[in-house]
Protein backbone atom coordinates (compact mmCIF):
# COMPACT_ATOMS: atom_id res chain seq x y z
CA UNK A 1 6.16 15.59 -8.51
CA UNK A 2 9.80 16.12 -9.40
CA UNK A 3 12.69 14.07 -8.05
CA UNK A 4 13.70 17.16 -6.08
CA UNK A 5 10.32 17.18 -4.31
CA UNK A 6 10.63 13.45 -3.63
CA UNK A 7 14.09 14.10 -2.16
CA UNK A 8 12.51 16.71 0.16
CA UNK A 9 10.30 13.95 1.57
CA UNK A 10 13.26 11.83 2.77
CA UNK A 11 13.80 12.20 6.52
CA UNK A 12 11.93 11.87 9.78
CA UNK A 13 8.88 13.92 10.59
CA UNK A 14 7.09 14.60 13.90
CA UNK A 15 3.30 14.85 14.05
CA UNK A 16 2.19 18.45 14.70
CA UNK A 17 -1.56 18.09 14.34
CA UNK A 18 -4.34 15.84 13.10
CA UNK A 19 -7.79 17.07 12.14
CA UNK A 20 -10.79 15.69 10.29
CA UNK A 21 -13.52 17.19 8.14
CA UNK A 22 -16.81 15.91 6.82
CA UNK A 23 -17.62 15.93 3.10
CA UNK A 24 -19.39 19.27 3.63
CA UNK A 25 -16.25 20.78 5.21
CA UNK A 26 -17.52 20.62 8.79
CA UNK A 27 -14.71 20.19 11.34
CA UNK A 28 -15.09 16.91 13.25
CA UNK A 29 -13.62 15.61 16.49
CA UNK A 30 -9.82 15.16 16.19
CA UNK A 31 -9.19 11.58 15.03
CA UNK A 32 -6.41 10.81 17.57
CA UNK A 33 -7.38 13.14 20.43
CA UNK A 34 -6.30 16.75 20.90
CA UNK A 35 -2.57 16.16 21.35
CA UNK A 36 -1.39 12.97 19.59
CA UNK A 37 2.26 12.03 19.08
CA UNK A 38 3.68 10.53 15.92
CA UNK A 39 6.76 9.80 13.87
CA UNK A 40 6.91 9.32 10.11
CA UNK A 41 10.10 8.29 8.30
CA UNK A 42 10.83 8.17 4.57
CA UNK A 43 14.16 6.66 3.48
CA UNK A 44 16.12 7.24 0.28
CA UNK A 45 15.63 3.62 -0.77
CA UNK A 46 11.82 3.94 -0.76
CA UNK A 47 10.85 2.70 2.71
CA UNK A 48 8.26 4.29 4.99
CA UNK A 49 7.40 3.75 8.64
CA UNK A 50 4.66 5.53 10.55
CA UNK A 51 3.57 5.52 14.20
CA UNK A 52 0.78 7.49 15.83
CA UNK A 53 0.03 7.40 19.54
CA UNK A 54 -3.33 8.85 20.53
CA UNK A 55 -3.58 11.57 23.18
CA UNK A 56 -4.36 10.38 26.71
CA UNK A 57 -3.04 6.80 26.53
CA UNK A 58 -3.07 5.05 29.90
CA UNK A 59 -0.36 2.97 31.52
CA UNK A 60 -1.02 -0.77 31.80
CA UNK A 61 -1.74 -1.82 35.39
CA UNK A 62 0.90 -4.56 35.21
CA UNK A 63 3.55 -2.17 33.90
CA UNK A 64 5.79 -3.84 31.35
CA UNK A 65 4.89 -7.26 32.76
CA UNK A 66 2.13 -9.12 31.02
CA UNK A 67 -0.59 -10.16 31.22
CA UNK A 68 -2.38 -6.85 31.51
CA UNK A 69 -6.13 -6.97 31.72
CA UNK A 70 -7.75 -7.77 28.38
CA UNK A 71 -9.61 -4.44 28.46
CA UNK A 72 -6.31 -2.60 28.93
CA UNK A 73 -4.72 -4.51 26.06
CA UNK A 74 -7.66 -3.67 23.81
CA UNK A 75 -7.45 0.02 24.73
CA UNK A 76 -3.67 0.08 24.15
CA UNK A 77 -4.19 -1.49 20.71
CA UNK A 78 -7.05 0.89 19.86
CA UNK A 79 -4.95 3.98 20.69
CA UNK A 80 -1.77 3.19 18.73
CA UNK A 81 -1.25 2.83 15.01
CA UNK A 82 1.95 1.67 13.36
CA UNK A 83 2.84 0.45 9.90
CA UNK A 84 5.75 0.09 7.53
CA UNK A 85 6.44 -0.75 3.93
CA UNK A 86 7.43 0.95 0.69
CA UNK A 87 6.37 4.28 -0.75
CA UNK A 88 6.27 6.02 -4.08
CA UNK A 89 5.37 9.52 -5.15
CA UNK A 90 2.86 9.90 -7.98
CA UNK A 91 1.96 13.47 -8.92
CA UNK A 92 0.64 15.22 -5.80
CA UNK A 93 0.17 11.90 -3.97
CA UNK A 94 2.41 9.70 -1.85
CA UNK A 95 1.38 6.04 -1.87
CA UNK A 96 2.30 3.80 1.05
CA UNK A 97 2.38 0.07 0.15
CA UNK A 98 1.88 -1.60 3.52
CA UNK A 99 3.93 -4.69 4.42
CA UNK A 100 3.39 -4.77 8.20
CA UNK A 101 0.84 -3.00 10.37
CA UNK A 102 -0.76 -2.95 13.80
CA UNK A 103 -4.01 -3.19 11.81
CA UNK A 104 -3.69 -6.40 9.82
CA UNK A 105 -6.33 -5.23 7.30
CA UNK A 106 -3.82 -2.66 5.97
CA UNK A 107 -1.25 -5.31 5.01
CA UNK A 108 -0.88 -5.71 1.22
CA UNK A 109 -2.93 -2.53 0.68
CA UNK A 110 -1.94 0.84 -0.69
CA UNK A 111 -2.76 3.94 1.32
CA UNK A 112 -2.73 7.02 -0.92
CA UNK A 113 -2.36 10.48 0.61
CA UNK A 114 -2.45 13.90 -1.04
CA UNK A 115 0.94 15.49 -0.29
CA UNK A 116 1.62 19.21 0.21
CA UNK A 117 4.87 20.90 1.23
CA UNK A 118 4.61 24.04 3.38
CA UNK A 119 7.92 25.37 4.75
CA UNK A 120 9.35 22.75 7.15
CA UNK A 121 6.04 20.87 7.15
CA UNK A 122 4.36 18.29 5.01
CA UNK A 123 0.61 17.86 4.99
CA UNK A 124 -0.89 14.46 4.21
CA UNK A 125 -4.61 14.26 3.46
CA UNK A 126 -6.50 10.97 3.28
CA UNK A 127 -9.21 10.30 0.74
CA UNK A 128 -12.73 10.33 2.24
CA UNK A 129 -13.19 7.36 4.58
CA UNK A 130 -15.60 6.16 7.24
CA UNK A 131 -14.34 7.24 10.68
CA UNK A 132 -16.55 6.97 13.79
CA UNK A 133 -19.61 6.43 11.59
CA UNK A 134 -19.01 9.52 9.41
CA UNK A 135 -17.44 9.97 5.97
CA UNK A 136 -14.50 12.29 6.46
CA UNK A 137 -10.98 13.17 5.41
CA UNK A 138 -8.09 13.33 7.86
CA UNK A 139 -5.37 15.95 7.53
CA UNK A 140 -2.04 15.24 9.22
CA UNK A 141 0.59 17.98 9.56
CA UNK A 142 4.14 16.70 10.05
CA UNK A 143 7.27 18.82 10.80
CA UNK A 144 10.75 17.71 9.76
CA UNK A 145 13.01 16.67 12.64
CA UNK A 146 16.44 18.17 12.08
CA UNK A 147 19.30 15.63 11.93
CA UNK A 148 21.04 17.01 15.03
CA UNK A 149 17.86 17.28 17.15
């Protein structure tokens, strides 16, 4: 990938859609619900931050005051993903080197994604992974947020 294409990655992106497919190409249940929200930011100095909020998240019964019920805390954790770290572009892949994450197992790991540019969108595709008991790939479509928006 050229430096020009890497430069096109810099900015903030809003999640448009998330879908998953089995190894045979069969469409699976959406990985984050039918209408998830997300923000993805790539900086010029090589930093990345990503947040995905699943569709249908519930309010905690205690509001912003803790302690919420343990079940509510577990559900809130299960339905929100966030991480940050460094990134690099290698061919048609973007590699996120995770430094902090809501899922501790991601820390000090690299998450590689196939990267495609389509108009104002980028498409990130995971390698095959086990999700809900099935091997599948996840495709995330992100749309650039304009600077004045």
